[in-house]
Amino acid sequence: MNDETHRNGGMMSEDPSTQYWYNMKTGEVEKGYVSSVVDRVGPFETHEEAEHALEKLRANSAKWAEDDASDNK
């Protein structure tokens, strides 16, 4: 599983070049490979999911930090 698939909860059902991406630099949702890979996160299946990318990233980050903390006990 690559980083982009992992960030999207392991879901990748269609061609990522036709899915939605959140551009971290502009804050805009894009369909397909519009921006450089360093500026975008995703893919997401819907425009709405991509609009909430930052919330998803924060939630994933908090969970991973919690998991790491419990692994280090």
Protein backbone atom coordinates (compact mmCIF):
# COMPACT_ATOMS: atom_id res chain seq x y z
CA MET A 1 0.00 0.00 0.00
CA ASN A 2 1.52 3.34 -0.99
CA ASP A 3 1.30 6.56 1.07
CA GLU A 4 -1.58 7.94 -0.96
CA THR A 5 -3.62 4.76 -0.55
CA HIS A 6 -2.78 4.62 3.16
CA ARG A 7 -3.93 8.21 3.71
CA ASN A 8 -7.24 7.39 2.11
CA GLY A 9 -7.97 4.48 4.42
CA GLY A 10 -6.70 1.83 2.04
CA MET A 11 -9.46 2.47 -0.48
CA MET A 12 -8.54 2.83 -4.14
CA SER A 13 -11.27 1.50 -6.36
CA GLU A 14 -10.75 3.42 -9.59
CA ASP A 15 -8.02 5.06 -11.60
CA PRO A 16 -6.48 7.76 -9.35
CA SER A 17 -5.94 10.00 -12.36
CA THR A 18 -9.73 10.46 -12.52
CA GLN A 19 -10.33 10.82 -8.78
CA TYR A 20 -10.30 13.89 -6.54
CA TRP A 21 -7.25 15.31 -4.82
CA TYR A 22 -6.80 18.04 -2.21
CA ASN A 23 -4.12 20.57 -3.07
CA MET A 24 -2.28 21.46 0.15
CA LYS A 25 -0.73 24.56 -1.39
CA THR A 26 -3.92 26.16 -2.74
CA GLY A 27 -6.56 24.55 -0.52
CA GLU A 28 -8.52 23.59 -3.64
CA VAL A 29 -10.02 20.27 -4.68
CA GLU A 30 -8.82 19.04 -8.06
CA LYS A 31 -9.97 16.22 -10.30
CA GLY A 32 -7.12 14.20 -11.75
CA TYR A 33 -3.41 14.95 -11.78
CA VAL A 34 -3.63 18.75 -12.00
CA SER A 35 -0.91 19.65 -9.50
CA SER A 36 2.48 18.32 -8.57
CA VAL A 37 2.46 15.23 -6.37
CA VAL A 38 4.24 17.18 -3.61
CA ASP A 39 1.26 19.56 -3.33
CA ARG A 40 -1.64 17.10 -3.31
CA VAL A 41 -3.09 14.42 -1.05
CA GLY A 42 -5.55 11.72 -1.96
CA PRO A 43 -7.04 10.24 -3.96
CA PHE A 44 -10.61 10.61 -2.77
CA GLU A 45 -13.65 9.13 -4.49
CA THR A 46 -15.79 12.27 -4.20
CA HIS A 47 -15.29 16.01 -4.28
CA GLU A 48 -16.84 16.24 -0.80
CA GLU A 49 -14.38 13.71 0.67
CA ALA A 50 -11.50 15.70 -0.80
CA GLU A 51 -12.90 18.91 0.73
CA HIS A 52 -12.49 17.30 4.15
CA ALA A 53 -8.96 16.06 3.49
CA LEU A 54 -7.36 18.10 6.27
CA GLU A 55 -9.80 16.71 8.84
CA LYS A 56 -9.04 13.19 7.64
CA LEU A 57 -5.29 13.81 7.80
CA ARG A 58 -5.52 15.24 11.32
CA ALA A 59 -7.61 12.28 12.50
CA ASN A 60 -5.21 9.77 10.92
CA SER A 61 -2.20 11.56 12.39
CA ALA A 62 -3.72 11.54 15.88
CA LYS A 63 -4.55 7.83 15.60
CA TRP A 64 -1.06 6.96 14.36
CA ALA A 65 0.52 8.99 17.18
CA GLU A 66 -1.69 7.18 19.69
CA ASP A 67 -0.77 3.81 18.16
CA ASP A 68 2.95 4.70 18.28
CA ALA A 69 2.68 5.77 21.91
CA SER A 70 1.02 2.48 22.88
CA ASP A 71 3.67 0.52 20.92
CA ASN A 72 6.42 2.27 22.88
CA LYS A 73 5.13 1.25 26.31
